[in-house]
């Protein structure tokens, strides 16, 4: 912080001793110590408030990220990742199966009946055995 050597401190002490005098020097040193203590406490409070502000801003960023994640439709994101063109969904849809079934099966009017034709005799009944 301050670049003060031992020789500079000695010069300042000698000048203070001469200017202030030996009688008032302890009082002056005590006042200087109190000022230094106040300055350090103020610097500590300032550093703490800056740290708190940084922590709050980080928490705000994290809170915004969490809220953005909550607004994401997870099911739609998974479907988009698994089936981006929608081919699987269309293959599995009920309407598609109904269309395929309609194309393969004949219409109900053309469907073969399970009844015997009109000209054929009724099938023989098996005989009952005693």
Foldseek 3Di string as FASTA:
>chain_A
DDDDDPVNVVVVVVVCCVVVHPVCVVVVVVVVVVVVVVVVVVVVVVVVVVVVVVVVVVVVVVVVVVVVVVPDDPVVVVCCVVPVPCPVVCVPDPVNVVVVVPVVDDPPVPDDDPDDDPPDDDDDDDDDDD
